[in-house]
């Protein structure tokens, strides 16, 4: 079986649960749907229906199509992937991977203003960069 982003296999024989759980997360909201093997005519058919539902939901939400998995570190204190505090330079570092194997970094200094203002600017920059990168990939 092919692994797909946002689709997980659940097998719980003791609860008679066998199927696929689809989760689409975009702009802080998670949409979930369960595809039971029994209701969808078997494991492969349920998986195919799950992929179709995921693709339709992502398109309806306007989520950029990307197969890359984004995982936020549990130690991240700022709530946005790719935003870190640089103590030495008193600035937030905004990092992003425009394509596999490449990384870009931008500094948002906090000197002369409140740290919260710099953090808000760094978060805004990160979201703008993500939209720009994924919009370009969607156009290809």
Protein backbone atom coordinates (compact mmCIF):
# COMPACT_ATOMS: atom_id res chain seq x y z
CA UNK A 1 0.00 0.00 0.00
CA UNK A 2 1.32 3.46 -0.92
CA UNK A 3 1.80 5.95 1.91
CA UNK A 4 0.02 9.24 1.41
CA UNK A 5 0.27 12.51 3.31
CA UNK A 6 -2.58 12.95 5.80
CA UNK A 7 -3.92 9.40 5.50
CA UNK A 8 -3.36 6.91 8.32
CA UNK A 9 -4.27 3.23 8.58
CA UNK A 10 -6.16 2.24 11.73
CA UNK A 11 -6.55 -1.44 12.66
CA UNK A 12 -8.11 -2.15 16.07
CA UNK A 13 -9.41 -5.75 16.04
CA UNK A 14 -10.62 -5.56 19.64
CA UNK A 15 -12.93 -2.65 18.68
CA UNK A 16 -13.70 -3.98 15.19
CA UNK A 17 -12.20 -0.80 13.68
CA UNK A 18 -10.50 -1.24 10.34
CA UNK A 19 -10.13 1.67 7.95
CA UNK A 20 -8.38 4.86 6.96
CA UNK A 21 -8.38 8.16 8.87
CA UNK A 22 -7.90 11.22 6.68
CA UNK A 23 -6.78 14.51 8.23
CA UNK A 24 -6.46 17.75 6.28
CA UNK A 25 -5.01 20.65 8.27
CA UNK A 26 -4.95 24.16 6.84
CA UNK A 27 -4.77 27.56 8.52
CA UNK A 28 -5.10 26.06 12.00
CA UNK A 29 -8.22 23.97 11.31
CA UNK A 30 -8.23 20.18 10.99
CA UNK A 31 -10.84 18.36 8.91
CA UNK A 32 -11.13 14.61 9.57
CA UNK A 33 -13.06 11.79 7.97
CA UNK A 34 -13.12 8.05 8.64
CA UNK A 35 -13.22 5.56 5.75
CA UNK A 36 -14.26 2.14 7.04
CA UNK A 37 -13.18 -0.93 5.07
CA UNK A 38 -16.61 -2.45 5.66
CA UNK A 39 -18.64 0.51 4.35
CA UNK A 40 -16.42 1.19 1.35
CA UNK A 41 -16.10 -2.35 0.01
CA UNK A 42 -12.67 -3.36 1.26
CA UNK A 43 -9.29 -1.98 2.20
CA UNK A 44 -8.19 -0.81 -1.27
CA UNK A 45 -11.52 0.81 -2.16
CA UNK A 46 -11.63 2.63 1.20
CA UNK A 47 -8.08 3.91 0.58
CA UNK A 48 -9.00 5.13 -2.92
CA UNK A 49 -12.07 6.95 -1.55
CA UNK A 50 -9.92 8.48 1.21
CA UNK A 51 -7.43 9.86 -1.34
CA UNK A 52 -10.26 11.34 -3.44
CA UNK A 53 -11.87 12.98 -0.37
CA UNK A 54 -8.53 14.39 0.80
CA UNK A 55 -7.79 15.90 -2.62
CA UNK A 56 -11.28 17.43 -2.92
CA UNK A 57 -11.09 18.88 0.60
CA UNK A 58 -7.64 20.40 0.04
CA UNK A 59 -8.83 21.97 -3.21
CA UNK A 60 -12.01 23.36 -1.59
CA UNK A 61 -9.98 24.89 1.26
CA UNK A 62 -7.43 26.38 -1.13
CA UNK A 63 -4.57 24.42 0.43
CA UNK A 64 -1.48 24.36 -1.82
CA UNK A 65 -0.73 20.87 -3.12
CA UNK A 66 2.53 19.57 -1.69
CA UNK A 67 3.68 16.09 -0.81
CA UNK A 68 6.23 17.39 1.70
CA UNK A 69 5.52 16.66 5.34
CA UNK A 70 5.92 19.59 7.73
CA UNK A 71 6.52 18.69 11.36
CA UNK A 72 6.84 21.31 14.08
CA UNK A 73 9.29 20.62 16.89
CA UNK A 74 7.68 20.14 20.29
CA UNK A 75 10.27 22.55 21.64
CA UNK A 76 9.02 25.33 19.36
CA UNK A 77 7.80 28.14 21.63
CA UNK A 78 6.46 30.46 18.94
CA UNK A 79 3.68 28.41 17.35
CA UNK A 80 4.99 28.67 13.79
CA UNK A 81 7.34 26.24 12.09
CA UNK A 82 10.60 27.88 11.03
CA UNK A 83 10.69 30.77 13.52
CA UNK A 84 13.43 30.74 16.17
CA UNK A 85 14.93 33.30 18.55
CA UNK A 86 18.62 34.15 18.09
CA UNK A 87 19.82 35.32 21.50
CA UNK A 88 23.21 36.49 20.27
CA UNK A 89 21.84 38.81 17.57
CA UNK A 90 18.62 39.69 19.43
CA UNK A 91 16.56 38.77 16.38
CA UNK A 92 14.11 36.19 15.14
CA UNK A 93 15.36 33.85 12.43
CA UNK A 94 12.79 32.87 9.82
CA UNK A 95 13.92 29.80 7.90
CA UNK A 96 12.23 28.03 5.03
CA UNK A 97 13.06 25.23 2.61
CA UNK A 98 11.96 26.35 -0.87
CA UNK A 99 12.88 22.93 -2.25
CA UNK A 100 14.44 19.75 -0.86
CA UNK A 101 18.10 20.32 0.02
CA UNK A 102 17.92 24.14 0.00
CA UNK A 103 17.35 26.46 2.94
CA UNK A 104 16.83 30.22 3.15
CA UNK A 105 17.07 32.32 6.31
CA UNK A 106 15.87 35.82 7.08
CA UNK A 107 16.55 37.87 10.20
CA UNK A 108 13.91 40.03 11.88
CA UNK A 109 15.73 42.22 14.43
CA UNK A 110 14.07 43.11 17.73
CA UNK A 111 16.37 46.03 18.59
CA UNK A 112 14.54 49.27 19.26
CA UNK A 113 11.10 47.67 19.58
CA UNK A 114 9.20 45.14 21.61
CA UNK A 115 10.04 41.49 21.13
CA UNK A 116 6.34 40.71 20.54
CA UNK A 117 6.26 43.12 17.57
CA UNK A 118 9.30 41.43 16.02
CA UNK A 119 7.72 38.01 16.60
CA UNK A 120 4.50 39.10 14.88
CA UNK A 121 6.53 40.38 11.91
CA UNK A 122 8.54 37.12 11.78
CA UNK A 123 5.35 35.01 11.78
CA UNK A 124 3.84 37.16 9.04
CA UNK A 125 7.03 36.83 6.96
CA UNK A 126 7.07 33.04 7.37
CA UNK A 127 3.44 32.70 6.25
CA UNK A 128 4.06 34.99 3.25
CA UNK A 129 7.11 32.93 2.22
CA UNK A 130 5.12 29.68 2.49
CA UNK A 131 2.31 31.06 0.33
CA UNK A 132 4.78 32.39 -2.27
CA UNK A 133 6.70 29.10 -2.48
CA UNK A 134 3.63 26.85 -2.64
CA UNK A 135 1.87 29.16 -5.12
CA UNK A 136 4.88 28.84 -7.45
CA UNK A 137 4.82 25.05 -7.10
CA UNK A 138 1.10 24.96 -7.85
CA UNK A 139 1.66 27.01 -11.04
CA UNK A 140 4.18 24.48 -12.42
